[in-house]
PDB file of N, CA and C in Angstrom:
ATOM      1  N   MET A   1     134.834  10.961 123.159  1.00  0.00           N
ATOM      2  CA  MET A   1     135.175  11.819 124.257  1.00  0.00           C
ATOM      3  C   MET A   1     135.517  13.197 123.702  1.00  0.00           C
ATOM      4  N   SER A   2     135.002  14.234 124.335  1.00  0.00           N
ATOM      5  CA  SER A   2     135.320  15.580 123.915  1.00  0.00           C
ATOM      6  C   SER A   2     135.914  16.348 125.080  1.00  0.00           C
ATOM      7  N   VAL A   3     136.697  17.336 124.769  1.00  0.00           N
ATOM      8  CA  VAL A   3     137.272  18.200 125.791  1.00  0.00           C
ATOM      9  C   VAL A   3     136.631  19.571 125.592  1.00  0.00           C
ATOM     10  N   GLY A   4     136.140  20.122 126.656  1.00  0.00           N
ATOM     11  CA  GLY A   4     135.481  21.411 126.507  1.00  0.00           C
ATOM     12  C   GLY A   4     135.235  22.048 127.853  1.00  0.00           C
ATOM     13  N   ARG A   5     134.133  22.730 127.957  1.00  0.00           N
ATOM     14  CA  ARG A   5     133.780  23.425 129.182  1.00  0.00           C
ATOM     15  C   ARG A   5     133.415  22.452 130.285  1.00  0.00           C
ATOM     16  N   VAL A   6     133.626  22.924 131.513  1.00  0.00           N
ATOM     17  CA  VAL A   6     133.206  22.159 132.675  1.00  0.00           C
ATOM     18  C   VAL A   6     131.709  22.311 132.826  1.00  0.00           C
ATOM     19  N   ALA A   7     131.013  21.191 132.815  1.00  0.00           N
ATOM     20  CA  ALA A   7     129.554  21.198 132.973  1.00  0.00           C
ATOM     21  C   ALA A   7     129.233  21.021 134.472  1.00  0.00           C
ATOM     22  N   VAL A   8     128.892  22.103 135.121  1.00  0.00           N
ATOM     23  CA  VAL A   8     128.553  22.034 136.546  1.00  0.00           C
ATOM     24  C   VAL A   8     127.354  21.114 136.706  1.00  0.00           C
ATOM     25  N   GLY A   9     127.399  20.240 137.669  1.00  0.00           N
ATOM     26  CA  GLY A   9     126.345  19.259 137.895  1.00  0.00           C
ATOM     27  C   GLY A   9     126.601  17.939 137.183  1.00  0.00           C
ATOM     28  N   ARG A  10     127.589  17.935 136.285  1.00  0.00           N
ATOM     29  CA  ARG A  10     127.925  16.726 135.563  1.00  0.00           C
ATOM     30  C   ARG A  10     129.425  16.432 135.626  1.00  0.00           C
ATOM     31  N   THR A  11     130.120  17.151 136.517  1.00  0.00           N
ATOM     32  CA  THR A  11     131.575  17.054 136.621  1.00  0.00           C
ATOM     33  C   THR A  11     131.994  16.831 138.054  1.00  0.00           C
ATOM     34  N   ALA A  12     133.042  16.059 138.237  1.00  0.00           N
ATOM     35  CA  ALA A  12     133.694  15.876 139.545  1.00  0.00           C
ATOM     36  C   ALA A  12     135.179  16.158 139.397  1.00  0.00           C
ATOM     37  N   MET A  13     135.808  16.604 140.484  1.00  0.00           N
ATOM     38  CA  MET A  13     137.244  16.816 140.467  1.00  0.00           C
ATOM     39  C   MET A  13     137.874  15.682 141.293  1.00  0.00           C
ATOM     40  N   PHE A  14     138.945  15.130 140.743  1.00  0.00           N
ATOM     41  CA  PHE A  14     139.701  14.060 141.397  1.00  0.00           C
ATOM     42  C   PHE A  14     141.088  14.607 141.751  1.00  0.00           C
ATOM     43  N   CYS A  15     141.414  14.595 143.016  1.00  0.00           N
ATOM     44  CA  CYS A  15     142.730  15.019 143.506  1.00  0.00           C
ATOM     45  C   CYS A  15     143.485  13.757 143.919  1.00  0.00           C
ATOM     46  N   CYS A  16     144.571  13.464 143.226  1.00  0.00           N
ATOM     47  CA  CYS A  16     145.275  12.190 143.407  1.00  0.00           C
ATOM     48  C   CYS A  16     146.623  12.353 144.087  1.00  0.00           C
ATOM     49  N   ASP A  17     146.743  11.846 145.273  1.00  0.00           N
ATOM     50  CA  ASP A  17     148.054  11.601 145.937  1.00  0.00           C
ATOM     51  C   ASP A  17     148.977  12.827 146.060  1.00  0.00           C
ATOM     52  N   LEU A  18     148.410  13.985 146.405  1.00  0.00           N
ATOM     53  CA  LEU A  18     149.241  15.153 146.640  1.00  0.00           C
ATOM     54  C   LEU A  18     149.660  15.142 148.116  1.00  0.00           C
ATOM     55  N   GLN A  19     150.712  14.340 148.418  1.00  0.00           N
ATOM     56  CA  GLN A  19     151.085  14.059 149.771  1.00  0.00           C
ATOM     57  C   GLN A  19     152.485  14.566 150.121  1.00  0.00           C
ATOM     58  N   ASP A  20     152.705  14.820 151.418  1.00  0.00           N
ATOM     59  CA  ASP A  20     153.948  15.397 151.892  1.00  0.00           C
ATOM     60  C   ASP A  20     155.185  14.574 151.536  1.00  0.00           C
ATOM     61  N   LYS A  21     155.088  13.273 151.582  1.00  0.00           N
ATOM     62  CA  LYS A  21     156.275  12.445 151.349  1.00  0.00           C
ATOM     63  C   LYS A  21     156.812  12.612 149.919  1.00  0.00           C
ATOM     64  N   PHE A  22     155.967  13.023 149.006  1.00  0.00           N
ATOM     65  CA  PHE A  22     156.395  13.202 147.608  1.00  0.00           C
ATOM     66  C   PHE A  22     157.078  14.548 147.386  1.00  0.00           C
ATOM     67  N   ARG A  23     156.937  15.450 148.354  1.00  0.00           N
ATOM     68  CA  ARG A  23     157.450  16.826 148.205  1.00  0.00           C
ATOM     69  C   ARG A  23     158.902  16.880 147.738  1.00  0.00           C
ATOM     70  N   PRO A  24     159.857  16.140 148.363  1.00  0.00           N
ATOM     71  CA  PRO A  24     161.253  16.270 147.947  1.00  0.00           C
ATOM     72  C   PRO A  24     161.572  15.697 146.552  1.00  0.00           C
ATOM     73  N   SER A  25     160.739  14.811 146.058  1.00  0.00           N
ATOM     74  CA  SER A  25     161.058  14.147 144.801  1.00  0.00           C
ATOM     75  C   SER A  25     160.365  14.760 143.604  1.00  0.00           C
ATOM     76  N   ILE A  26     159.531  15.745 143.792  1.00  0.00           N
ATOM     77  CA  ILE A  26     158.799  16.368 142.683  1.00  0.00           C
ATOM     78  C   ILE A  26     159.367  17.769 142.447  1.00  0.00           C
ATOM     79  N   ARG A  27     159.912  17.982 141.247  1.00  0.00           N
ATOM     80  CA  ARG A  27     160.412  19.314 140.902  1.00  0.00           C
ATOM     81  C   ARG A  27     159.267  20.314 140.900  1.00  0.00           C
ATOM     82  N   HIS A  28     159.539  21.486 141.341  1.00  0.00           N
ATOM     83  CA  HIS A  28     158.575  22.587 141.323  1.00  0.00           C
ATOM     84  C   HIS A  28     157.305  22.256 142.144  1.00  0.00           C
ATOM     85  N   PHE A  29     157.504  21.535 143.233  1.00  0.00           N
ATOM     86  CA  PHE A  29     156.355  21.125 144.048  1.00  0.00           C
ATOM     87  C   PHE A  29     155.539  22.300 144.546  1.00  0.00           C
ATOM     88  N   PRO A  30     156.157  23.427 144.953  1.00  0.00           N
ATOM     89  CA  PRO A  30     155.348  24.576 145.359  1.00  0.00           C
ATOM     90  C   PRO A  30     154.415  25.036 144.246  1.00  0.00           C
ATOM     91  N   ALA A  31     154.845  25.005 143.015  1.00  0.00           N
ATOM     92  CA  ALA A  31     153.997  25.400 141.889  1.00  0.00           C
ATOM     93  C   ALA A  31     152.850  24.369 141.700  1.00  0.00           C
ATOM     94  N   VAL A  32     153.173  23.104 141.921  1.00  0.00           N
ATOM     95  CA  VAL A  32     152.149  22.056 141.844  1.00  0.00           C
ATOM     96  C   VAL A  32     151.058  22.328 142.866  1.00  0.00           C
ATOM     97  N   LEU A  33     151.482  22.651 144.095  1.00  0.00           N
ATOM     98  CA  LEU A  33     150.505  22.949 145.164  1.00  0.00           C
ATOM     99  C   LEU A  33     149.702  24.206 144.863  1.00  0.00           C
ATOM    100  N   SER A  34     150.357  25.216 144.294  1.00  0.00           N
ATOM    101  CA  SER A  34     149.665  26.462 143.943  1.00  0.00           C
ATOM    102  C   SER A  34     148.567  26.172 142.909  1.00  0.00           C
ATOM    103  N   ASN A  35     148.913  25.406 141.897  1.00  0.00           N
ATOM    104  CA  ASN A  35     147.919  25.068 140.864  1.00  0.00           C
ATOM    105  C   ASN A  35     146.817  24.181 141.438  1.00  0.00           C
ATOM    106  N   ALA A  36     147.157  23.260 142.314  1.00  0.00           N
ATOM    107  CA  ALA A  36     146.142  22.404 142.946  1.00  0.00           C
ATOM    108  C   ALA A  36     145.179  23.253 143.753  1.00  0.00           C
ATOM    109  N   ASN A  37     145.711  24.239 144.452  1.00  0.00           N
ATOM    110  CA  ASN A  37     144.839  25.137 145.248  1.00  0.00           C
ATOM    111  C   ASN A  37     143.855  25.885 144.355  1.00  0.00           C
ATOM    112  N   ARG A  38     144.308  26.279 143.189  1.00  0.00           N
ATOM    113  CA  ARG A  38     143.392  26.929 142.230  1.00  0.00           C
ATOM    114  C   ARG A  38     142.275  25.982 141.830  1.00  0.00           C
ATOM    115  N   MET A  39     142.625  24.752 141.600  1.00  0.00           N
ATOM    116  CA  MET A  39     141.614  23.756 141.236  1.00  0.00           C
ATOM    117  C   MET A  39     140.616  23.561 142.391  1.00  0.00           C
ATOM    118  N   LEU A  40     141.143  23.473 143.615  1.00  0.00           N
ATOM    119  CA  LEU A  40     140.302  23.276 144.794  1.00  0.00           C
ATOM    120  C   LEU A  40     139.349  24.475 144.971  1.00  0.00           C
ATOM    121  N   GLN A  41     139.869  25.671 144.792  1.00  0.00           N
ATOM    122  CA  GLN A  41     139.035  26.863 144.929  1.00  0.00           C
ATOM    123  C   GLN A  41     137.940  26.879 143.850  1.00  0.00           C
ATOM    124  N   SER A  42     138.308  26.469 142.654  1.00  0.00           N
ATOM    125  CA  SER A  42     137.321  26.394 141.572  1.00  0.00           C
ATOM    126  C   SER A  42     136.217  25.408 141.910  1.00  0.00           C
ATOM    127  N   ALA A  43     136.603  24.262 142.454  1.00  0.00           N
ATOM    128  CA  ALA A  43     135.618  23.247 142.826  1.00  0.00           C
ATOM    129  C   ALA A  43     134.640  23.825 143.857  1.00  0.00           C
ATOM    130  N   LYS A  44     135.140  24.554 144.844  1.00  0.00           N
ATOM    131  CA  LYS A  44     134.272  25.132 145.867  1.00  0.00           C
ATOM    132  C   LYS A  44     133.345  26.193 145.268  1.00  0.00           C
ATOM    133  N   ILE A  45     133.896  27.076 144.463  1.00  0.00           N
ATOM    134  CA  ILE A  45     133.092  28.163 143.876  1.00  0.00           C
ATOM    135  C   ILE A  45     131.980  27.578 142.981  1.00  0.00           C
ATOM    136  N   LEU A  46     132.328  26.573 142.183  1.00  0.00           N
ATOM    137  CA  LEU A  46     131.369  26.009 141.235  1.00  0.00           C
ATOM    138  C   LEU A  46     130.543  24.873 141.850  1.00  0.00           C
ATOM    139  N   GLU A  47     130.832  24.550 143.117  1.00  0.00           N
ATOM    140  CA  GLU A  47     130.140  23.467 143.841  1.00  0.00           C
ATOM    141  C   GLU A  47     130.259  22.141 143.096  1.00  0.00           C
ATOM    142  N   ILE A  48     131.496  21.862 142.673  1.00  0.00           N
ATOM    143  CA  ILE A  48     131.800  20.615 142.008  1.00  0.00           C
ATOM    144  C   ILE A  48     132.328  19.626 143.058  1.00  0.00           C
ATOM    145  N   PRO A  49     131.792  18.412 143.083  1.00  0.00           N
ATOM    146  CA  PRO A  49     132.269  17.433 144.047  1.00  0.00           C
ATOM    147  C   PRO A  49     133.749  17.161 143.890  1.00  0.00           C
ATOM    148  N   LEU A  50     134.425  17.016 145.035  1.00  0.00           N
ATOM    149  CA  LEU A  50     135.868  16.767 145.058  1.00  0.00           C
ATOM    150  C   LEU A  50     136.104  15.376 145.679  1.00  0.00           C
ATOM    151  N   LEU A  51     136.835  14.547 144.977  1.00  0.00           N
ATOM    152  CA  LEU A  51     137.214  13.223 145.473  1.00  0.00           C
ATOM    153  C   LEU A  51     138.725  13.198 145.642  1.00  0.00           C
ATOM    154  N   VAL A  52     139.171  12.857 146.836  1.00  0.00           N
ATOM    155  CA  VAL A  52     140.600  12.885 147.174  1.00  0.00           C
ATOM    156  C   VAL A  52     141.055  11.500 147.558  1.00  0.00           C
ATOM    157  N   THR A  53     142.148  11.060 146.931  1.00  0.00           N
ATOM    158  CA  THR A  53     142.743   9.793 147.353  1.00  0.00           C
ATOM    159  C   THR A  53     144.158  10.033 147.842  1.00  0.00           C
ATOM    160  N   GLU A  54     144.573   9.161 148.777  1.00  0.00           N
ATOM    161  CA  GLU A  54     145.905   9.223 149.344  1.00  0.00           C
ATOM    162  C   GLU A  54     146.515   7.849 149.281  1.00  0.00           C
ATOM    163  N   GLN A  55     147.712   7.761 148.676  1.00  0.00           N
ATOM    164  CA  GLN A  55     148.406   6.496 148.582  1.00  0.00           C
ATOM    165  C   GLN A  55     149.055   6.175 149.906  1.00  0.00           C
ATOM    166  N   TYR A  56     148.619   5.102 150.549  1.00  0.00           N
ATOM    167  CA  TYR A  56     149.180   4.601 151.802  1.00  0.00           C
ATOM    168  C   TYR A  56     149.596   5.726 152.755  1.00  0.00           C
ATOM    169  N   PRO A  57     148.617   6.483 153.282  1.00  0.00           N
ATOM    170  CA  PRO A  57     148.936   7.633 154.101  1.00  0.00           C
ATOM    171  C   PRO A  57     149.708   7.320 155.393  1.00  0.00           C
ATOM    172  N   LYS A  58     149.606   6.086 155.888  1.00  0.00           N
ATOM    173  CA  LYS A  58     150.396   5.722 157.075  1.00  0.00           C
ATOM    174  C   LYS A  58     151.877   5.866 156.822  1.00  0.00           C
ATOM    175  N   GLY A  59     152.312   5.540 155.632  1.00  0.00           N
ATOM    176  CA  GLY A  59     153.729   5.618 155.280  1.00  0.00           C
ATOM    177  C   GLY A  59     154.100   6.858 154.521  1.00  0.00           C
ATOM    178  N   LEU A  60     153.180   7.400 153.731  1.00  0.00           N
ATOM    179  CA  LEU A  60     153.502   8.514 152.840  1.00  0.00           C
ATOM    180  C   LEU A  60     152.914   9.837 153.282  1.00  0.00           C
ATOM    181  N   GLY A  61     152.196   9.825 154.391  1.00  0.00           N
ATOM    182  CA  GLY A  61     151.595  11.040 154.910  1.00  0.00           C
ATOM    183  C   GLY A  61     150.263  11.352 154.216  1.00  0.00           C
ATOM    184  N   GLU A  62     149.556  12.289 154.804  1.00  0.00           N
ATOM    185  CA  GLU A  62     148.259  12.688 154.261  1.00  0.00           C
ATOM    186  C   GLU A  62     148.435  13.747 153.205  1.00  0.00           C
ATOM    187  N   THR A  63     147.326  14.164 152.617  1.00  0.00           N
ATOM    188  CA  THR A  63     147.338  15.246 151.640  1.00  0.00           C
ATOM    189  C   THR A  63     148.013  16.484 152.279  1.00  0.00           C
ATOM    190  N   CYS A  64     148.826  17.170 151.511  1.00  0.00           N
ATOM    191  CA  CYS A  64     149.586  18.333 152.019  1.00  0.00           C
ATOM    192  C   CYS A  64     148.669  19.322 152.723  1.00  0.00           C
ATOM    193  N   ASN A  65     149.156  19.833 153.868  1.00  0.00           N
ATOM    194  CA  ASN A  65     148.389  20.770 154.662  1.00  0.00           C
ATOM    195  C   ASN A  65     148.035  22.052 153.934  1.00  0.00           C
ATOM    196  N   GLU A  66     148.863  22.422 152.949  1.00  0.00           N
ATOM    197  CA  GLU A  66     148.595  23.657 152.200  1.00  0.00           C
ATOM    198  C   GLU A  66     147.323  23.567 151.362  1.00  0.00           C
ATOM    199  N   LEU A  67     146.821  22.364 151.142  1.00  0.00           N
ATOM    200  CA  LEU A  67     145.623  22.163 150.325  1.00  0.00           C
ATOM    201  C   LEU A  67     144.387  22.048 151.209  1.00  0.00           C
ATOM    202  N   ASP A  68     143.403  22.899 150.960  1.00  0.00           N
ATOM    203  CA  ASP A  68     142.176  22.868 151.733  1.00  0.00           C
ATOM    204  C   ASP A  68     141.193  21.886 151.075  1.00  0.00           C
ATOM    205  N   ILE A  69     141.166  20.678 151.628  1.00  0.00           N
ATOM    206  CA  ILE A  69     140.264  19.647 151.102  1.00  0.00           C
ATOM    207  C   ILE A  69     139.117  19.403 152.071  1.00  0.00           C
ATOM    208  N   SER A  70     138.874  20.355 152.941  1.00  0.00           N
ATOM    209  CA  SER A  70     137.857  20.188 154.004  1.00  0.00           C
ATOM    210  C   SER A  70     136.452  19.934 153.447  1.00  0.00           C
ATOM    211  N   GLY A  71     136.168  20.431 152.273  1.00  0.00           N
ATOM    212  CA  GLY A  71     134.830  20.233 151.722  1.00  0.00           C
ATOM    213  C   GLY A  71     134.704  19.075 150.749  1.00  0.00           C
ATOM    214  N   CYS A  72     135.672  18.184 150.775  1.00  0.00           N
ATOM    215  CA  CYS A  72     135.645  17.103 149.785  1.00  0.00           C
ATOM    216  C   CYS A  72     134.490  16.134 150.045  1.00  0.00           C
ATOM    217  N   SER A  73     133.995  15.555 148.957  1.00  0.00           N
ATOM    218  CA  SER A  73     132.914  14.591 149.022  1.00  0.00           C
ATOM    219  C   SER A  73     133.427  13.241 149.528  1.00  0.00           C
ATOM    220  N   ILE A  74     134.620  12.892 149.084  1.00  0.00           N
ATOM    221  CA  ILE A  74     135.249  11.623 149.479  1.00  0.00           C
ATOM    222  C   ILE A  74     136.724  11.882 149.711  1.00  0.00           C
ATOM    223  N   ARG A  75     137.234  11.319 150.784  1.00  0.00           N
ATOM    224  CA  ARG A  75     138.681  11.285 151.069  1.00  0.00           C
ATOM    225  C   ARG A  75     138.980   9.869 151.503  1.00  0.00           C
ATOM    226  N   CYS A  76     139.788   9.179 150.737  1.00  0.00           N
ATOM    227  CA  CYS A  76     140.046   7.789 151.091  1.00  0.00           C
ATOM    228  C   CYS A  76     141.499   7.402 150.848  1.00  0.00           C
ATOM    229  N   SER A  77     141.965   6.450 151.607  1.00  0.00           N
ATOM    230  CA  SER A  77     143.309   5.922 151.425  1.00  0.00           C
ATOM    231  C   SER A  77     143.219   4.738 150.462  1.00  0.00           C
ATOM    232  N   LYS A  78     144.364   4.435 149.880  1.00  0.00           N
ATOM    233  CA  LYS A  78     144.427   3.315 148.929  1.00  0.00           C
ATOM    234  C   LYS A  78     145.835   2.740 148.927  1.00  0.00           C
ATOM    235  N   THR A  79     145.939   1.545 148.437  1.00  0.00           N
ATOM    236  CA  THR A  79     147.250   0.911 148.311  1.00  0.00           C
ATOM    237  C   THR A  79     147.471   0.386 146.913  1.00  0.00           C
ATOM    238  N   LYS A  80     146.629   0.771 145.967  1.00  0.00           N
ATOM    239  CA  LYS A  80     146.839   0.375 144.577  1.00  0.00           C
ATOM    240  C   LYS A  80     147.050   1.624 143.747  1.00  0.00           C
ATOM    241  N   PHE A  81     147.598   1.439 142.557  1.00  0.00           N
ATOM    242  CA  PHE A  81     147.916   2.573 141.708  1.00  0.00           C
ATOM    243  C   PHE A  81     146.740   2.950 140.817  1.00  0.00           C
ATOM    244  N   SER A  82     145.657   3.328 141.460  1.00  0.00           N
ATOM    245  CA  SER A  82     144.444   3.760 140.801  1.00  0.00           C
ATOM    246  C   SER A  82     143.571   4.495 141.783  1.00  0.00           C
ATOM    247  N   MET A  83     142.830   5.462 141.328  1.00  0.00           N
ATOM    248  CA  MET A  83     141.858   6.134 142.180  1.00  0.00           C
ATOM    249  C   MET A  83     140.554   5.352 142.239  1.00  0.00           C
ATOM    250  N   VAL A  84     140.472   4.313 141.415  1.00  0.00           N
ATOM    251  CA  VAL A  84     139.240   3.523 141.329  1.00  0.00           C
ATOM    252  C   VAL A  84     139.249   2.520 142.493  1.00  0.00           C
ATOM    253  N   VAL A  85     138.807   3.033 143.640  1.00  0.00           N
ATOM    254  CA  VAL A  85     138.669   2.236 144.866  1.00  0.00           C
ATOM    255  C   VAL A  85     137.183   2.175 145.147  1.00  0.00           C
ATOM    256  N   PRO A  86     136.737   1.262 146.023  1.00  0.00           N
ATOM    257  CA  PRO A  86     135.293   1.102 146.252  1.00  0.00           C
ATOM    258  C   PRO A  86     134.548   2.409 146.546  1.00  0.00           C
ATOM    259  N   GLU A  87     135.125   3.279 147.342  1.00  0.00           N
ATOM    260  CA  GLU A  87     134.415   4.541 147.674  1.00  0.00           C
ATOM    261  C   GLU A  87     134.193   5.408 146.435  1.00  0.00           C
ATOM    262  N   VAL A  88     135.174   5.442 145.566  1.00  0.00           N
ATOM    263  CA  VAL A  88     135.045   6.239 144.332  1.00  0.00           C
ATOM    264  C   VAL A  88     134.065   5.581 143.378  1.00  0.00           C
ATOM    265  N   GLU A  89     134.150   4.277 143.247  1.00  0.00           N
ATOM    266  CA  GLU A  89     133.198   3.536 142.401  1.00  0.00           C
ATOM    267  C   GLU A  89     131.779   3.755 142.854  1.00  0.00           C
ATOM    268  N   SER A  90     131.554   3.726 144.168  1.00  0.00           N
ATOM    269  CA  SER A  90     130.214   3.958 144.717  1.00  0.00           C
ATOM    270  C   SER A  90     129.714   5.339 144.386  1.00  0.00           C
ATOM    271  N   PHE A  91     130.605   6.345 144.547  1.00  0.00           N
ATOM    272  CA  PHE A  91     130.244   7.721 144.233  1.00  0.00           C
ATOM    273  C   PHE A  91     129.819   7.832 142.779  1.00  0.00           C
ATOM    274  N   ILE A  92     130.606   7.228 141.893  1.00  0.00           N
ATOM    275  CA  ILE A  92     130.307   7.298 140.455  1.00  0.00           C
ATOM    276  C   ILE A  92     128.952   6.639 140.150  1.00  0.00           C
ATOM    277  N   LYS A  93     128.704   5.497 140.767  1.00  0.00           N
ATOM    278  CA  LYS A  93     127.430   4.784 140.556  1.00  0.00           C
ATOM    279  C   LYS A  93     126.239   5.584 141.091  1.00  0.00           C
ATOM    280  N   GLU A  94     126.447   6.300 142.196  1.00  0.00           N
ATOM    281  CA  GLU A  94     125.368   7.097 142.813  1.00  0.00           C
ATOM    282  C   GLU A  94     125.109   8.398 142.040  1.00  0.00           C
ATOM    283  N   HIS A  95     125.980   8.748 141.120  1.00  0.00           N
ATOM    284  CA  HIS A  95     125.840   9.989 140.354  1.00  0.00           C
ATOM    285  C   HIS A  95     125.907   9.654 138.861  1.00  0.00           C
ATOM    286  N   PRO A  96     124.852   9.026 138.324  1.00  0.00           N
ATOM    287  CA  PRO A  96     124.891   8.601 136.919  1.00  0.00           C
ATOM    288  C   PRO A  96     124.985   9.759 135.921  1.00  0.00           C
ATOM    289  N   ASP A  97     124.623  10.980 136.323  1.00  0.00           N
ATOM    290  CA  ASP A  97     124.740  12.105 135.420  1.00  0.00           C
ATOM    291  C   ASP A  97     126.161  12.660 135.332  1.00  0.00           C
ATOM    292  N   MET A  98     127.043  12.161 136.197  1.00  0.00           N
ATOM    293  CA  MET A  98     128.430  12.604 136.217  1.00  0.00           C
ATOM    294  C   MET A  98     129.138  12.062 134.978  1.00  0.00           C
ATOM    295  N   LYS A  99     129.406  12.950 134.043  1.00  0.00           N
ATOM    296  CA  LYS A  99     129.969  12.524 132.753  1.00  0.00           C
ATOM    297  C   LYS A  99     131.389  13.065 132.490  1.00  0.00           C
ATOM    298  N   SER A 100     131.867  13.928 133.388  1.00  0.00           N
ATOM    299  CA  SER A 100     133.201  14.533 133.191  1.00  0.00           C
ATOM    300  C   SER A 100     133.966  14.529 134.500  1.00  0.00           C
ATOM    301  N   ILE A 101     135.273  14.396 134.365  1.00  0.00           N
ATOM    302  CA  ILE A 101     136.147  14.550 135.543  1.00  0.00           C
ATOM    303  C   ILE A 101     137.244  15.542 135.203  1.00  0.00           C
ATOM    304  N   VAL A 102     137.698  16.233 136.214  1.00  0.00           N
ATOM    305  CA  VAL A 102     138.893  17.063 136.140  1.00  0.00           C
ATOM    306  C   VAL A 102     139.852  16.405 137.131  1.00  0.00           C
ATOM    307  N   LEU A 103     140.949  15.942 136.609  1.00  0.00           N
ATOM    308  CA  LEU A 103     141.884  15.137 137.381  1.00  0.00           C
ATOM    309  C   LEU A 103     143.178  15.904 137.561  1.00  0.00           C
ATOM    310  N   PHE A 104     143.662  16.050 138.823  1.00  0.00           N
ATOM    311  CA  PHE A 104     144.950  16.681 139.022  1.00  0.00           C
ATOM    312  C   PHE A 104     145.755  15.902 140.038  1.00  0.00           C
ATOM    313  N   TRP A 105     147.083  15.947 139.853  1.00  0.00           N
ATOM    314  CA  TRP A 105     147.991  15.112 140.619  1.00  0.00           C
ATOM    315  C   TRP A 105     149.393  15.675 140.534  1.00  0.00           C
ATOM    316  N   ASP A 106     150.298  15.061 141.297  1.00  0.00           N
ATOM    317  CA  ASP A 106     151.713  15.412 141.151  1.00  0.00           C
ATOM    318  C   ASP A 106     152.305  14.534 140.055  1.00  0.00           C
ATOM    319  N   ARG A 107     153.447  14.867 139.584  1.00  0.00           N
ATOM    320  CA  ARG A 107     154.060  14.124 138.463  1.00  0.00           C
ATOM    321  C   ARG A 107     154.268  12.651 138.795  1.00  0.00           C
ATOM    322  N   GLY A 108     154.419  12.307 140.061  1.00  0.00           N
ATOM    323  CA  GLY A 108     154.714  10.927 140.406  1.00  0.00           C
ATOM    324  C   GLY A 108     153.552   9.975 140.349  1.00  0.00           C
ATOM    325  N   SER A 109     152.374  10.471 140.139  1.00  0.00           N
ATOM    326  CA  SER A 109     151.179   9.638 140.170  1.00  0.00           C
ATOM    327  C   SER A 109     150.647   9.266 138.789  1.00  0.00           C
ATOM    328  N   CYS A 110     151.522   9.255 137.787  1.00  0.00           N
ATOM    329  CA  CYS A 110     151.046   9.090 136.413  1.00  0.00           C
ATOM    330  C   CYS A 110     150.423   7.703 136.177  1.00  0.00           C
ATOM    331  N   VAL A 111     150.921   6.645 136.822  1.00  0.00           N
ATOM    332  CA  VAL A 111     150.315   5.315 136.651  1.00  0.00           C
ATOM    333  C   VAL A 111     148.915   5.319 137.232  1.00  0.00           C
ATOM    334  N   CYS A 112     148.774   5.917 138.394  1.00  0.00           N
ATOM    335  CA  CYS A 112     147.467   5.990 139.068  1.00  0.00           C
ATOM    336  C   CYS A 112     146.466   6.786 138.219  1.00  0.00           C
ATOM    337  N   THR A 113     146.875   7.928 137.721  1.00  0.00           N
ATOM    338  CA  THR A 113     145.952   8.753 136.966  1.00  0.00           C
ATOM    339  C   THR A 113     145.629   8.131 135.609  1.00  0.00           C
ATOM    340  N   ASN A 114     146.598   7.450 135.012  1.00  0.00           N
ATOM    341  CA  ASN A 114     146.333   6.769 133.743  1.00  0.00           C
ATOM    342  C   ASN A 114     145.257   5.709 133.929  1.00  0.00           C
ATOM    343  N   ASP A 115     145.399   4.879 134.961  1.00  0.00           N
ATOM    344  CA  ASP A 115     144.404   3.845 135.208  1.00  0.00           C
ATOM    345  C   ASP A 115     143.025   4.442 135.515  1.00  0.00           C
ATOM    346  N   SER A 116     143.006   5.482 136.305  1.00  0.00           N
ATOM    347  CA  SER A 116     141.736   6.127 136.691  1.00  0.00           C
ATOM    348  C   SER A 116     141.060   6.740 135.474  1.00  0.00           C
ATOM    349  N   THR A 117     141.826   7.397 134.619  1.00  0.00           N
ATOM    350  CA  THR A 117     141.282   7.998 133.411  1.00  0.00           C
ATOM    351  C   THR A 117     140.730   6.924 132.477  1.00  0.00           C
ATOM    352  N   ARG A 118     141.479   5.837 132.317  1.00  0.00           N
ATOM    353  CA  ARG A 118     141.035   4.738 131.480  1.00  0.00           C
ATOM    354  C   ARG A 118     139.724   4.180 131.967  1.00  0.00           C
ATOM    355  N   PHE A 119     139.594   3.979 133.277  1.00  0.00           N
ATOM    356  CA  PHE A 119     138.370   3.486 133.854  1.00  0.00           C
ATOM    357  C   PHE A 119     137.188   4.404 133.532  1.00  0.00           C
ATOM    358  N   CYS A 120     137.385   5.693 133.742  1.00  0.00           N
ATOM    359  CA  CYS A 120     136.318   6.666 133.513  1.00  0.00           C
ATOM    360  C   CYS A 120     135.938   6.752 132.029  1.00  0.00           C
ATOM    361  N   CYS A 121     136.928   6.667 131.145  1.00  0.00           N
ATOM    362  CA  CYS A 121     136.633   6.689 129.703  1.00  0.00           C
ATOM    363  C   CYS A 121     135.857   5.454 129.273  1.00  0.00           C
ATOM    364  N   LEU A 122     136.240   4.301 129.798  1.00  0.00           N
ATOM    365  CA  LEU A 122     135.537   3.072 129.454  1.00  0.00           C
ATOM    366  C   LEU A 122     134.111   3.098 129.970  1.00  0.00           C
ATOM    367  N   ARG A 123     133.916   3.744 131.129  1.00  0.00           N
ATOM    368  CA  ARG A 123     132.589   3.861 131.736  1.00  0.00           C
ATOM    369  C   ARG A 123     131.675   4.727 130.874  1.00  0.00           C
ATOM    370  N   GLY A 124     132.278   5.656 130.154  1.00  0.00           N
ATOM    371  CA  GLY A 124     131.490   6.567 129.308  1.00  0.00           C
ATOM    372  C   GLY A 124     131.232   7.816 130.006  1.00  0.00           C
TER     373      GLY A 124
END
């Protein structure tokens, strides 16, 4: 695995669990949202697919309104601590040239992002 430039056409962005209910428990949450918005704008400008997951949105709310995820390729709810849900797995299988991900999340989603990253690394 190497870290380097974003290869347009071979990269997807994963936005994990940036939801309203987490707002009070995450320090510097406005800065988290500001940085997430930069990532979202980059995805739009570079036409990089965006995959958004929400942890149990019925109880934890949807993705924060400040984030413009209107152009996302996938937006799905989940109840496990991983972004690797059927919709995301299908997307990955349908895009075999997708070799890189840019993953962003709030501090509280570290278990979810760790599992998702592990899955993607094992996939190659």
